[in-house]
Amino acid sequence: KEQVKATFCLVGTQARRHPDLVKKIAEGGHSFCNHSWNHDL
């Protein structure tokens, strides 16, 4: 709505659970960032 692009730092387990949302992030023209597989501090 605001025509803003952002960067999404994705956790691998969430990306695997929700590939449809990963696609929507890409379709929106946003950037990807690796935030580890399962948020291991």
Full PDB file with SEQRES, HELIX, SHEET, SSBOND, CRYST1, ORIGX, SCALE, CONECT and MASTER records, all heavy atoms in Angstrom:
SEQRES   1 A   41  LYS GLU GLN VAL LYS ALA THR PHE CYS LEU VAL GLY THR          
SEQRES   2 A   41  GLN ALA ARG ARG HIS PRO ASP LEU VAL LYS LYS ILE ALA          
SEQRES   3 A   41  GLU GLY GLY HIS SER PHE CYS ASN HIS SER TRP ASN HIS          
SEQRES   4 A   41  ASP LEU                                                      
HELIX    1 AA1 GLY A   12  ARG A   17  1                                   6    
HELIX    2 AA2 PRO A   19  GLU A   27  1                                   9    
SHEET    1 AA1 2 THR A   7  LEU A  10  0                                        
SHEET    2 AA1 2 SER A  31  ASN A  34  1                                        
CRYST1    1.000    1.000    1.000  90.00  90.00  90.00 P 1           1          
ORIGX1      1.000000  0.000000  0.000000        0.00000                         
ORIGX2      0.000000  1.000000  0.000000        0.00000                         
ORIGX3      0.000000  0.000000  1.000000        0.00000                         
SCALE1      1.000000  0.000000  0.000000        0.00000                         
SCALE2      0.000000  1.000000  0.000000        0.00000                         
SCALE3      0.000000  0.000000  1.000000        0.00000                         
ATOM      1  N   LYS A   1       0.828  -1.210   0.000  1.00  0.00           N  
ATOM      2  CA  LYS A   1       0.000   0.000   0.000  1.00  0.00           C  
ATOM      3  C   LYS A   1       0.855   1.250   0.000  1.00  0.00           C  
ATOM      4  O   LYS A   1       0.553   2.245  -0.678  1.00  0.00           O  
ATOM      5  CB  LYS A   1      -0.922  -0.009   1.218  1.00  0.00           C  
ATOM      6  CG  LYS A   1      -1.830   1.207   1.299  1.00  0.00           C  
ATOM      7  CD  LYS A   1      -2.741   1.135   2.516  1.00  0.00           C  
ATOM      8  CE  LYS A   1      -3.629   2.371   2.609  1.00  0.00           C  
ATOM      9  NZ  LYS A   1      -4.521   2.319   3.805  1.00  0.00           N  
ATOM     10  N   GLU A   2       1.953   1.226   0.739  1.00  0.00           N  
ATOM     11  CA  GLU A   2       2.846   2.378   0.825  1.00  0.00           C  
ATOM     12  C   GLU A   2       3.931   2.367  -0.252  1.00  0.00           C  
ATOM     13  O   GLU A   2       4.766   3.265  -0.301  1.00  0.00           O  
ATOM     14  CB  GLU A   2       3.507   2.419   2.207  1.00  0.00           C  
ATOM     15  CG  GLU A   2       2.568   2.766   3.345  1.00  0.00           C  
ATOM     16  CD  GLU A   2       2.047   4.189   3.275  1.00  0.00           C  
ATOM     17  OE1 GLU A   2       2.802   5.082   2.827  1.00  0.00           O  
ATOM     18  OE2 GLU A   2       0.886   4.406   3.655  1.00  0.00           O  
ATOM     19  N   GLN A   3       3.939   1.335  -1.085  1.00  0.00           N  
ATOM     20  CA  GLN A   3       4.958   1.158  -2.131  1.00  0.00           C  
ATOM     21  C   GLN A   3       6.363   1.160  -1.524  1.00  0.00           C  
ATOM     22  O   GLN A   3       7.287   1.797  -2.032  1.00  0.00           O  
ATOM     23  CB  GLN A   3       4.827   2.238  -3.202  1.00  0.00           C  
ATOM     24  CG  GLN A   3       3.529   2.143  -4.002  1.00  0.00           C  
ATOM     25  CD  GLN A   3       3.485   3.135  -5.134  1.00  0.00           C  
ATOM     26  OE1 GLN A   3       3.838   4.308  -4.987  1.00  0.00           O  
ATOM     27  NE2 GLN A   3       3.058   2.679  -6.302  1.00  0.00           N  
ATOM     28  N   VAL A   4       6.512   0.417  -0.446  1.00  0.00           N  
ATOM     29  CA  VAL A   4       7.784   0.322   0.266  1.00  0.00           C  
ATOM     30  C   VAL A   4       8.352  -1.080   0.116  1.00  0.00           C  
ATOM     31  O   VAL A   4       7.621  -2.069   0.210  1.00  0.00           O  
ATOM     32  CB  VAL A   4       7.589   0.650   1.770  1.00  0.00           C  
ATOM     33  CG1 VAL A   4       8.831   0.276   2.578  1.00  0.00           C  
ATOM     34  CG2 VAL A   4       7.256   2.127   1.948  1.00  0.00           C  
ATOM     35  N   LYS A   5       9.640  -1.168  -0.134  1.00  0.00           N  
ATOM     36  CA  LYS A   5      10.344  -2.444  -0.180  1.00  0.00           C  
ATOM     37  C   LYS A   5      11.124  -2.608   1.123  1.00  0.00           C  
ATOM     38  O   LYS A   5      11.684  -1.653   1.655  1.00  0.00           O  
ATOM     39  CB  LYS A   5      11.305  -2.517  -1.369  1.00  0.00           C  
ATOM     40  CG  LYS A   5      10.666  -2.192  -2.712  1.00  0.00           C  
ATOM     41  CD  LYS A   5       9.501  -3.086  -3.036  1.00  0.00           C  
ATOM     42  CE  LYS A   5       8.899  -2.714  -4.394  1.00  0.00           C  
ATOM     43  NZ  LYS A   5       7.634  -3.435  -4.661  1.00  0.00           N  
ATOM     44  N   ALA A   6      11.157  -3.839   1.627  1.00  0.00           N  
ATOM     45  CA  ALA A   6      11.839  -4.114   2.884  1.00  0.00           C  
ATOM     46  C   ALA A   6      12.739  -5.332   2.723  1.00  0.00           C  
ATOM     47  O   ALA A   6      12.798  -5.944   1.653  1.00  0.00           O  
ATOM     48  CB  ALA A   6      10.815  -4.349   3.996  1.00  0.00           C  
ATOM     49  N   THR A   7      13.430  -5.684   3.791  1.00  0.00           N  
ATOM     50  CA  THR A   7      14.300  -6.852   3.806  1.00  0.00           C  
ATOM     51  C   THR A   7      13.795  -7.817   4.866  1.00  0.00           C  
ATOM     52  O   THR A   7      13.597  -7.418   6.024  1.00  0.00           O  
ATOM     53  CB  THR A   7      15.755  -6.438   4.106  1.00  0.00           C  
ATOM     54  OG1 THR A   7      16.188  -5.528   3.097  1.00  0.00           O  
ATOM     55  CG2 THR A   7      16.674  -7.658   4.129  1.00  0.00           C  
ATOM     56  N   PHE A   8      13.584  -9.073   4.472  1.00  0.00           N  
ATOM     57  CA  PHE A   8      13.061 -10.084   5.375  1.00  0.00           C  
ATOM     58  C   PHE A   8      14.168 -11.067   5.741  1.00  0.00           C  
ATOM     59  O   PHE A   8      14.712 -11.756   4.867  1.00  0.00           O  
ATOM     60  CB  PHE A   8      11.880 -10.816   4.743  1.00  0.00           C  
ATOM     61  CG  PHE A   8      10.617  -9.997   4.708  1.00  0.00           C  
ATOM     62  CD1 PHE A   8      10.414  -9.026   3.729  1.00  0.00           C  
ATOM     63  CD2 PHE A   8       9.627 -10.178   5.674  1.00  0.00           C  
ATOM     64  CE1 PHE A   8       9.257  -8.260   3.703  1.00  0.00           C  
ATOM     65  CE2 PHE A   8       8.465  -9.417   5.661  1.00  0.00           C  
ATOM     66  CZ  PHE A   8       8.275  -8.452   4.675  1.00  0.00           C  
ATOM     67  N   CYS A   9      14.499 -11.120   7.028  1.00  0.00           N  
ATOM     68  CA  CYS A   9      15.518 -12.036   7.529  1.00  0.00           C  
ATOM     69  C   CYS A   9      14.812 -13.309   7.980  1.00  0.00           C  
ATOM     70  O   CYS A   9      14.217 -13.348   9.067  1.00  0.00           O  
ATOM     71  CB  CYS A   9      16.287 -11.388   8.674  1.00  0.00           C  
ATOM     72  SG  CYS A   9      17.166  -9.886   8.179  1.00  0.00           S  
ATOM     73  N   LEU A  10      14.888 -14.345   7.144  1.00  0.00           N  
ATOM     74  CA  LEU A  10      14.078 -15.547   7.344  1.00  0.00           C  
ATOM     75  C   LEU A  10      14.808 -16.623   8.127  1.00  0.00           C  
ATOM     76  O   LEU A  10      16.003 -16.861   7.941  1.00  0.00           O  
ATOM     77  CB  LEU A  10      13.657 -16.115   5.989  1.00  0.00           C  
ATOM     78  CG  LEU A  10      12.879 -15.179   5.059  1.00  0.00           C  
ATOM     79  CD1 LEU A  10      12.406 -15.953   3.824  1.00  0.00           C  
ATOM     80  CD2 LEU A  10      11.702 -14.534   5.775  1.00  0.00           C  
ATOM     81  N   VAL A  11      14.067 -17.301   8.980  1.00  0.00           N  
ATOM     82  CA  VAL A  11      14.549 -18.483   9.684  1.00  0.00           C  
ATOM     83  C   VAL A  11      14.229 -19.694   8.809  1.00  0.00           C  
ATOM     84  O   VAL A  11      13.120 -19.813   8.278  1.00  0.00           O  
ATOM     85  CB  VAL A  11      13.871 -18.598  11.067  1.00  0.00           C  
ATOM     86  CG1 VAL A  11      14.172 -19.941  11.724  1.00  0.00           C  
ATOM     87  CG2 VAL A  11      14.321 -17.452  11.968  1.00  0.00           C  
ATOM     88  N   GLY A  12      15.205 -20.588   8.649  1.00  0.00           N  
ATOM     89  CA  GLY A  12      15.045 -21.705   7.724  1.00  0.00           C  
ATOM     90  C   GLY A  12      13.850 -22.594   8.002  1.00  0.00           C  
ATOM     91  O   GLY A  12      13.148 -23.021   7.077  1.00  0.00           O  
ATOM     92  N   THR A  13      13.598 -22.901   9.281  1.00  0.00           N  
ATOM     93  CA  THR A  13      12.463 -23.769   9.588  1.00  0.00           C  
ATOM     94  C   THR A  13      11.146 -23.124   9.184  1.00  0.00           C  
ATOM     95  O   THR A  13      10.227 -23.805   8.714  1.00  0.00           O  
ATOM     96  CB  THR A  13      12.430 -24.093  11.088  1.00  0.00           C  
ATOM     97  OG1 THR A  13      12.479 -22.866  11.848  1.00  0.00           O  
ATOM     98  CG2 THR A  13      13.609 -24.979  11.485  1.00  0.00           C  
ATOM     99  N   GLN A  14      11.049 -21.804   9.338  1.00  0.00           N  
ATOM    100  CA  GLN A  14       9.834 -21.100   8.935  1.00  0.00           C  
ATOM    101  C   GLN A  14       9.705 -21.041   7.413  1.00  0.00           C  
ATOM    102  O   GLN A  14       8.600 -21.153   6.876  1.00  0.00           O  
ATOM    103  CB  GLN A  14       9.823 -19.691   9.525  1.00  0.00           C  
ATOM    104  CG  GLN A  14       9.622 -19.640  11.028  1.00  0.00           C  
ATOM    105  CD  GLN A  14       8.301 -20.261  11.434  1.00  0.00           C  
ATOM    106  OE1 GLN A  14       8.274 -21.377  11.970  1.00  0.00           O  
ATOM    107  NE2 GLN A  14       7.221 -19.567  11.185  1.00  0.00           N  
ATOM    108  N   ALA A  15      10.816 -20.859   6.725  1.00  0.00           N  
ATOM    109  CA  ALA A  15      10.789 -20.850   5.263  1.00  0.00           C  
ATOM    110  C   ALA A  15      10.335 -22.207   4.735  1.00  0.00           C  
ATOM    111  O   ALA A  15       9.592 -22.289   3.753  1.00  0.00           O  
ATOM    112  CB  ALA A  15      12.167 -20.498   4.714  1.00  0.00           C  
ATOM    113  N   ARG A  16      10.789 -23.292   5.380  1.00  0.00           N  
ATOM    114  CA  ARG A  16      10.387 -24.627   4.947  1.00  0.00           C  
ATOM    115  C   ARG A  16       8.906 -24.861   5.214  1.00  0.00           C  
ATOM    116  O   ARG A  16       8.215 -25.498   4.406  1.00  0.00           O  
ATOM    117  CB  ARG A  16      11.223 -25.683   5.669  1.00  0.00           C  
ATOM    118  CG  ARG A  16      10.969 -27.104   5.167  1.00  0.00           C  
ATOM    119  CD  ARG A  16      11.849 -28.124   5.857  1.00  0.00           C  
ATOM    120  NE  ARG A  16      11.498 -28.256   7.280  1.00  0.00           N  
ATOM    121  CZ  ARG A  16      12.164 -29.051   8.117  1.00  0.00           C  
ATOM    122  NH1 ARG A  16      13.237 -29.716   7.703  1.00  0.00           N  
ATOM    123  NH2 ARG A  16      11.795 -29.138   9.379  1.00  0.00           N  
ATOM    124  N   ARG A  17       8.398 -24.350   6.341  1.00  0.00           N  
ATOM    125  CA  ARG A  17       6.984 -24.535   6.661  1.00  0.00           C  
ATOM    126  C   ARG A  17       6.070 -23.723   5.751  1.00  0.00           C  
ATOM    127  O   ARG A  17       4.944 -24.127   5.461  1.00  0.00           O  
ATOM    128  CB  ARG A  17       6.707 -24.117   8.111  1.00  0.00           C  
ATOM    129  CG  ARG A  17       7.224 -25.063   9.167  1.00  0.00           C  
ATOM    130  CD  ARG A  17       6.728 -24.629  10.550  1.00  0.00           C  
ATOM    131  NE  ARG A  17       7.299 -25.500  11.564  1.00  0.00           N  
ATOM    132  CZ  ARG A  17       8.348 -25.195  12.320  1.00  0.00           C  
ATOM    133  NH1 ARG A  17       8.956 -24.027  12.148  1.00  0.00           N  
ATOM    134  NH2 ARG A  17       8.799 -26.042  13.226  1.00  0.00           N  
ATOM    135  N   HIS A  18       6.547 -22.553   5.313  1.00  0.00           N  
ATOM    136  CA  HIS A  18       5.669 -21.620   4.596  1.00  0.00           C  
ATOM    137  C   HIS A  18       6.298 -21.136   3.290  1.00  0.00           C  
ATOM    138  O   HIS A  18       6.542 -19.935   3.109  1.00  0.00           O  
ATOM    139  CB  HIS A  18       5.346 -20.437   5.509  1.00  0.00           C  
ATOM    140  CG  HIS A  18       4.813 -20.832   6.842  1.00  0.00           C  
ATOM    141  ND1 HIS A  18       3.570 -21.412   7.004  1.00  0.00           N  
ATOM    142  CD2 HIS A  18       5.376 -20.769   8.083  1.00  0.00           C  
ATOM    143  CE1 HIS A  18       3.371 -21.672   8.287  1.00  0.00           C  
ATOM    144  NE2 HIS A  18       4.450 -21.305   8.963  1.00  0.00           N  
ATOM    145  N   PRO A  19       6.538 -22.040   2.346  1.00  0.00           N  
ATOM    146  CA  PRO A  19       7.155 -21.633   1.072  1.00  0.00           C  
ATOM    147  C   PRO A  19       6.284 -20.663   0.289  1.00  0.00           C  
ATOM    148  O   PRO A  19       6.803 -19.853  -0.478  1.00  0.00           O  
ATOM    149  CB  PRO A  19       7.333 -22.956   0.332  1.00  0.00           C  
ATOM    150  CG  PRO A  19       6.331 -23.879   0.945  1.00  0.00           C  
ATOM    151  CD  PRO A  19       6.255 -23.484   2.388  1.00  0.00           C  
ATOM    152  N   ASP A  20       4.969 -20.730   0.488  1.00  0.00           N  
ATOM    153  CA  ASP A  20       4.079 -19.802  -0.212  1.00  0.00           C  
ATOM    154  C   ASP A  20       4.355 -18.365   0.201  1.00  0.00           C  
ATOM    155  O   ASP A  20       4.294 -17.440  -0.630  1.00  0.00           O  
ATOM    156  CB  ASP A  20       2.615 -20.157   0.056  1.00  0.00           C  
ATOM    157  CG  ASP A  20       2.285 -20.190   1.551  1.00  0.00           C  
ATOM    158  OD1 ASP A  20       3.134 -20.647   2.343  1.00  0.00           O  
ATOM    159  OD2 ASP A  20       1.172 -19.774   1.934  1.00  0.00           O  
ATOM    160  N   LEU A  21       4.693 -18.166   1.472  1.00  0.00           N  
ATOM    161  CA  LEU A  21       4.986 -16.817   1.935  1.00  0.00           C  
ATOM    162  C   LEU A  21       6.356 -16.347   1.461  1.00  0.00           C  
ATOM    163  O   LEU A  21       6.547 -15.156   1.202  1.00  0.00           O  
ATOM    164  CB  LEU A  21       4.913 -16.762   3.462  1.00  0.00           C  
ATOM    165  CG  LEU A  21       3.515 -16.977   4.058  1.00  0.00           C  
ATOM    166  CD1 LEU A  21       3.568 -16.921   5.577  1.00  0.00           C  
ATOM    167  CD2 LEU A  21       2.532 -15.945   3.518  1.00  0.00           C  
ATOM    168  N   VAL A  22       7.298 -17.273   1.341  1.00  0.00           N  
ATOM    169  CA  VAL A  22       8.605 -16.920   0.780  1.00  0.00           C  
ATOM    170  C   VAL A  22       8.406 -16.406  -0.647  1.00  0.00           C  
ATOM    171  O   VAL A  22       9.004 -15.406  -1.057  1.00  0.00           O  
ATOM    172  CB  VAL A  22       9.556 -18.132   0.796  1.00  0.00           C  
ATOM    173  CG1 VAL A  22      10.908 -17.756   0.181  1.00  0.00           C  
ATOM    174  CG2 VAL A  22       9.759 -18.634   2.233  1.00  0.00           C  
ATOM    175  N   LYS A  23       7.547 -17.079  -1.393  1.00  0.00           N  
ATOM    176  CA  LYS A  23       7.250 -16.647  -2.763  1.00  0.00           C  
ATOM    177  C   LYS A  23       6.605 -15.269  -2.774  1.00  0.00           C  
ATOM    178  O   LYS A  23       6.931 -14.416  -3.616  1.00  0.00           O  
ATOM    179  CB  LYS A  23       6.320 -17.658  -3.436  1.00  0.00           C  
ATOM    180  CG  LYS A  23       6.955 -19.004  -3.719  1.00  0.00           C  
ATOM    181  CD  LYS A  23       5.940 -19.956  -4.341  1.00  0.00           C  
ATOM    182  CE  LYS A  23       6.543 -21.336  -4.575  1.00  0.00           C  
ATOM    183  NZ  LYS A  23       5.554 -22.299  -5.121  1.00  0.00           N  
ATOM    184  N   LYS A  24       5.684 -15.014  -1.847  1.00  0.00           N  
ATOM    185  CA  LYS A  24       5.005 -13.719  -1.810  1.00  0.00           C  
ATOM    186  C   LYS A  24       5.967 -12.590  -1.467  1.00  0.00           C  
ATOM    187  O   LYS A  24       5.838 -11.473  -1.971  1.00  0.00           O  
ATOM    188  CB  LYS A  24       3.852 -13.763  -0.808  1.00  0.00           C  
ATOM    189  CG  LYS A  24       2.658 -14.590  -1.285  1.00  0.00           C  
ATOM    190  CD  LYS A  24       1.518 -14.553  -0.284  1.00  0.00           C  
ATOM    191  CE  LYS A  24       0.326 -15.371  -0.793  1.00  0.00           C  
ATOM    192  NZ  LYS A  24      -0.799 -15.361   0.177  1.00  0.00           N  
ATOM    193  N   ILE A  25       6.934 -12.885  -0.603  1.00  0.00           N  
ATOM    194  CA  ILE A  25       7.947 -11.877  -0.284  1.00  0.00           C  
ATOM    195  C   ILE A  25       8.725 -11.520  -1.545  1.00  0.00           C  
ATOM    196  O   ILE A  25       8.956 -10.341  -1.841  1.00  0.00           O  
ATOM    197  CB  ILE A  25       8.892 -12.401   0.818  1.00  0.00           C  
ATOM    198  CG1 ILE A  25       8.149 -12.493   2.151  1.00  0.00           C  
ATOM    199  CG2 ILE A  25      10.120 -11.503   0.949  1.00  0.00           C  
ATOM    200  CD1 ILE A  25       8.915 -13.218   3.239  1.00  0.00           C  
ATOM    201  N   ALA A  26       9.110 -12.536  -2.305  1.00  0.00           N  
ATOM    202  CA  ALA A  26       9.853 -12.290  -3.544  1.00  0.00           C  
ATOM    203  C   ALA A  26       8.991 -11.557  -4.563  1.00  0.00           C  
ATOM    204  O   ALA A  26       9.456 -10.626  -5.234  1.00  0.00           O  
ATOM    205  CB  ALA A  26      10.340 -13.616  -4.123  1.00  0.00           C  
ATOM    206  N   GLU A  27       7.731 -11.962  -4.676  1.00  0.00           N  
ATOM    207  CA  GLU A  27       6.829 -11.328  -5.636  1.00  0.00           C  
ATOM    208  C   GLU A  27       6.597  -9.854  -5.306  1.00  0.00           C  
ATOM    209  O   GLU A  27       6.321  -9.044  -6.191  1.00  0.00           O  
ATOM    210  CB  GLU A  27       5.494 -12.079  -5.665  1.00  0.00           C  
ATOM    211  CG  GLU A  27       5.591 -13.459  -6.303  1.00  0.00           C  
ATOM    212  CD  GLU A  27       4.354 -14.308  -6.073  1.00  0.00           C  
ATOM    213  OE1 GLU A  27       3.427 -13.842  -5.340  1.00  0.00           O  
ATOM    214  OE2 GLU A  27       4.302 -15.439  -6.586  1.00  0.00           O  
ATOM    215  N   GLY A  28       6.732  -9.510  -4.026  1.00  0.00           N  
ATOM    216  CA  GLY A  28       6.559  -8.115  -3.616  1.00  0.00           C  
ATOM    217  C   GLY A  28       7.786  -7.264  -3.860  1.00  0.00           C  
ATOM    218  O   GLY A  28       7.766  -6.056  -3.595  1.00  0.00           O  
ATOM    219  N   GLY A  29       8.860  -7.885  -4.360  1.00  0.00           N  
ATOM    220  CA  GLY A  29      10.073  -7.134  -4.657  1.00  0.00           C  
ATOM    221  C   GLY A  29      10.951  -6.878  -3.451  1.00  0.00           C  
ATOM    222  O   GLY A  29      11.834  -6.013  -3.487  1.00  0.00           O  
ATOM    223  N   HIS A  30      10.742  -7.644  -2.382  1.00  0.00           N  
ATOM    224  CA  HIS A  30      11.518  -7.460  -1.159  1.00  0.00           C  
ATOM    225  C   HIS A  30      12.787  -8.301  -1.193  1.00  0.00           C  
ATOM    226  O   HIS A  30      12.932  -9.214  -2.006  1.00  0.00           O  
ATOM    227  CB  HIS A  30      10.660  -7.819   0.047  1.00  0.00           C  
ATOM    228  CG  HIS A  30       9.363  -7.078   0.094  1.00  0.00           C  
ATOM    229  ND1 HIS A  30       9.286  -5.725   0.353  1.00  0.00           N  
ATOM    230  CD2 HIS A  30       8.083  -7.490  -0.133  1.00  0.00           C  
ATOM    231  CE1 HIS A  30       8.018  -5.335   0.304  1.00  0.00           C  
ATOM    232  NE2 HIS A  30       7.270  -6.388   0.002  1.00  0.00           N  
ATOM    233  N   SER A  31      13.702  -8.001  -0.298  1.00  0.00           N  
ATOM    234  CA  SER A  31      14.993  -8.675  -0.242  1.00  0.00           C  
ATOM    235  C   SER A  31      14.988  -9.778   0.810  1.00  0.00           C  
ATOM    236  O   SER A  31      14.264  -9.714   1.804  1.00  0.00           O  
ATOM    237  CB  SER A  31      16.100  -7.679   0.096  1.00  0.00           C  
ATOM    238  OG  SER A  31      16.130  -6.641  -0.848  1.00  0.00           O  
ATOM    239  N   PHE A  32      15.861 -10.776   0.588  1.00  0.00           N  
ATOM    240  CA  PHE A  32      16.021 -11.876   1.529  1.00  0.00           C  
ATOM    241  C   PHE A  32      17.312 -11.730   2.319  1.00  0.00           C  
ATOM    242  O   PHE A  32      18.345 -11.280   1.808  1.00  0.00           O  
ATOM    243  CB  PHE A  32      16.054 -13.216   0.799  1.00  0.00           C  
ATOM    244  CG  PHE A  32      14.733 -13.642   0.229  1.00  0.00           C  
ATOM    245  CD1 PHE A  32      14.588 -13.858  -1.137  1.00  0.00           C  
ATOM    246  CD2 PHE A  32      13.637 -13.848   1.050  1.00  0.00           C  
ATOM    247  CE1 PHE A  32      13.377 -14.267  -1.674  1.00  0.00           C  
ATOM    248  CE2 PHE A  32      12.414 -14.252   0.524  1.00  0.00           C  
ATOM    249  CZ  PHE A  32      12.289 -14.461  -0.834  1.00  0.00           C  
ATOM    250  N   CYS A  33      17.244 -12.164   3.572  1.00  0.00           N  
ATOM    251  CA  CYS A  33      18.401 -12.215   4.457  1.00  0.00           C  
ATOM    252  C   CYS A  33      18.329 -13.540   5.206  1.00  0.00           C  
ATOM    253  O   CYS A  33      17.252 -13.983   5.617  1.00  0.00           O  
ATOM    254  CB  CYS A  33      18.341 -11.030   5.421  1.00  0.00           C  
ATOM    255  SG  CYS A  33      19.494 -11.098   6.815  1.00  0.00           S  
ATOM    256  N   ASN A  34      19.471 -14.196   5.363  1.00  0.00           N  
ATOM    257  CA  ASN A  34      19.561 -15.464   6.077  1.00  0.00           C  
ATOM    258  C   ASN A  34      19.628 -15.181   7.580  1.00  0.00           C  
ATOM    259  O   ASN A  34      20.510 -14.469   8.044  1.00  0.00           O  
ATOM    260  CB  ASN A  34      20.820 -16.202   5.606  1.00  0.00           C  
ATOM    261  CG  ASN A  34      20.987 -17.578   6.201  1.00  0.00           C  
ATOM    262  OD1 ASN A  34      20.771 -17.791   7.388  1.00  0.00           O  
ATOM    263  ND2 ASN A  34      21.409 -18.530   5.372  1.00  0.00           N  
ATOM    264  N   HIS A  35      18.696 -15.779   8.348  1.00  0.00           N  
ATOM    265  CA  HIS A  35      18.660 -15.555   9.799  1.00  0.00           C  
ATOM    266  C   HIS A  35      18.848 -16.870  10.564  1.00  0.00           C  
ATOM    267  O   HIS A  35      18.344 -17.014  11.667  1.00  0.00           O  
ATOM    268  CB  HIS A  35      17.352 -14.881  10.192  1.00  0.00           C  
ATOM    269  CG  HIS A  35      17.358 -14.227  11.547  1.00  0.00           C  
ATOM    270  ND1 HIS A  35      18.460 -13.574  12.062  1.00  0.00           N  
ATOM    271  CD2 HIS A  35      16.395 -14.116  12.498  1.00  0.00           C  
ATOM    272  CE1 HIS A  35      18.166 -13.090  13.257  1.00  0.00           C  
ATOM    273  NE2 HIS A  35      16.920 -13.423  13.559  1.00  0.00           N  
ATOM    274  N   SER A  36      19.553 -17.807   9.935  1.00  0.00           N  
ATOM    275  CA  SER A  36      19.899 -19.122  10.487  1.00  0.00           C  
ATOM    276  C   SER A  36      18.744 -20.112  10.346  1.00  0.00           C  
ATOM    277  O   SER A  36      17.618 -19.740  10.024  1.00  0.00           O  
ATOM    278  CB  SER A  36      20.337 -19.034  11.958  1.00  0.00           C  
ATOM    279  OG  SER A  36      19.236 -19.020  12.836  1.00  0.00           O  
ATOM    280  N   TRP A  37      19.054 -21.379  10.603  1.00  0.00           N  
ATOM    281  CA  TRP A  37      18.071 -22.439  10.411  1.00  0.00           C  
ATOM    282  C   TRP A  37      16.984 -22.428  11.477  1.00  0.00           C  
ATOM    283  O   TRP A  37      15.796 -22.481  11.172  1.00  0.00           O  
ATOM    284  CB  TRP A  37      18.760 -23.807  10.371  1.00  0.00           C  
ATOM    285  CG  TRP A  37      17.790 -24.923  10.221  1.00  0.00           C  
ATOM    286  CD1 TRP A  37      17.435 -25.852  11.148  1.00  0.00           C  
ATOM    287  CD2 TRP A  37      17.003 -25.216   9.052  1.00  0.00           C  
ATOM    288  NE1 TRP A  37      16.482 -26.703  10.638  1.00  0.00           N  
ATOM    289  CE2 TRP A  37      16.199 -26.334   9.350  1.00  0.00           C  
ATOM    290  CE3 TRP A  37      16.907 -24.633   7.782  1.00  0.00           C  
ATOM    291  CZ2 TRP A  37      15.317 -26.888   8.431  1.00  0.00           C  
ATOM    292  CZ3 TRP A  37      16.016 -25.181   6.870  1.00  0.00           C  
ATOM    293  CH2 TRP A  37      15.244 -26.298   7.194  1.00  0.00           C  
ATOM    294  N   ASN A  38      17.377 -22.372  12.747  1.00  0.00           N  
ATOM    295  CA  ASN A  38      16.363 -22.421  13.803  1.00  0.00           C  
ATOM    296  C   ASN A  38      16.632 -21.417  14.920  1.00  0.00           C  
ATOM    297  O   ASN A  38      16.319 -21.662  16.075  1.00  0.00           O  
ATOM    298  CB  ASN A  38      16.252 -23.832  14.385  1.00  0.00           C  
ATOM    299  CG  ASN A  38      17.555 -24.322  14.984  1.00  0.00           C  
ATOM    300  OD1 ASN A  38      18.545 -23.585  14.989  1.00  0.00           O  
ATOM    301  ND2 ASN A  38      17.565 -25.542  15.489  1.00  0.00           N  
ATOM    302  N   HIS A  39      17.212 -20.286  14.552  1.00  0.00           N  
ATOM    303  CA  HIS A  39      17.434 -19.176  15.479  1.00  0.00           C  
ATOM    304  C   HIS A  39      18.305 -19.599  16.660  1.00  0.00           C  
ATOM    305  O   HIS A  39      18.022 -19.286  17.826  1.00  0.00           O  
ATOM    306  CB  HIS A  39      16.105 -18.603  15.970  1.00  0.00           C  
ATOM    307  CG  HIS A  39      16.184 -17.143  16.351  1.00  0.00           C  
ATOM    308  ND1 HIS A  39      16.517 -16.724  17.623  1.00  0.00           N  
ATOM    309  CD2 HIS A  39      15.983 -16.018  15.626  1.00  0.00           C  
ATOM    310  CE1 HIS A  39      16.511 -15.400  17.671  1.00  0.00           C  
ATOM    311  NE2 HIS A  39      16.195 -14.948  16.472  1.00  0.00           N  
ATOM    312  N   ASP A  40      19.390 -20.236  16.355  1.00  0.00           N  
ATOM    313  CA  ASP A  40      20.339 -20.699  17.363  1.00  0.00           C  
ATOM    314  C   ASP A  40      21.183 -19.520  17.841  1.00  0.00           C  
ATOM    315  O   ASP A  40      22.034 -19.019  17.105  1.00  0.00           O  
ATOM    316  CB  ASP A  40      21.226 -21.797  16.759  1.00  0.00           C  
ATOM    317  CG  ASP A  40      22.266 -22.330  17.721  1.00  0.00           C  
ATOM    318  OD1 ASP A  40      22.281 -21.896  18.896  1.00  0.00           O  
ATOM    319  OD2 ASP A  40      23.071 -23.178  17.301  1.00  0.00           O  
ATOM    320  N   LEU A  41      20.955 -19.089  19.077  1.00  0.00           N  
ATOM    321  CA  LEU A  41      21.670 -17.927  19.599  1.00  0.00           C  
ATOM    322  C   LEU A  41      23.167 -18.173  19.755  1.00  0.00           C  
ATOM    323  O   LEU A  41      23.947 -17.223  19.865  1.00  0.00           O  
ATOM    324  CB  LEU A  41      21.079 -17.510  20.949  1.00  0.00           C  
ATOM    325  CG  LEU A  41      19.663 -16.930  20.918  1.00  0.00           C  
ATOM    326  CD1 LEU A  41      19.155 -16.696  22.336  1.00  0.00           C  
ATOM    327  CD2 LEU A  41      19.606 -15.637  20.122  1.00  0.00           C  
TER     328      LEU A  41                                                      
MASTER        0    0    0    2    2    0    0    6  327    1    0    4          
END                                                                             
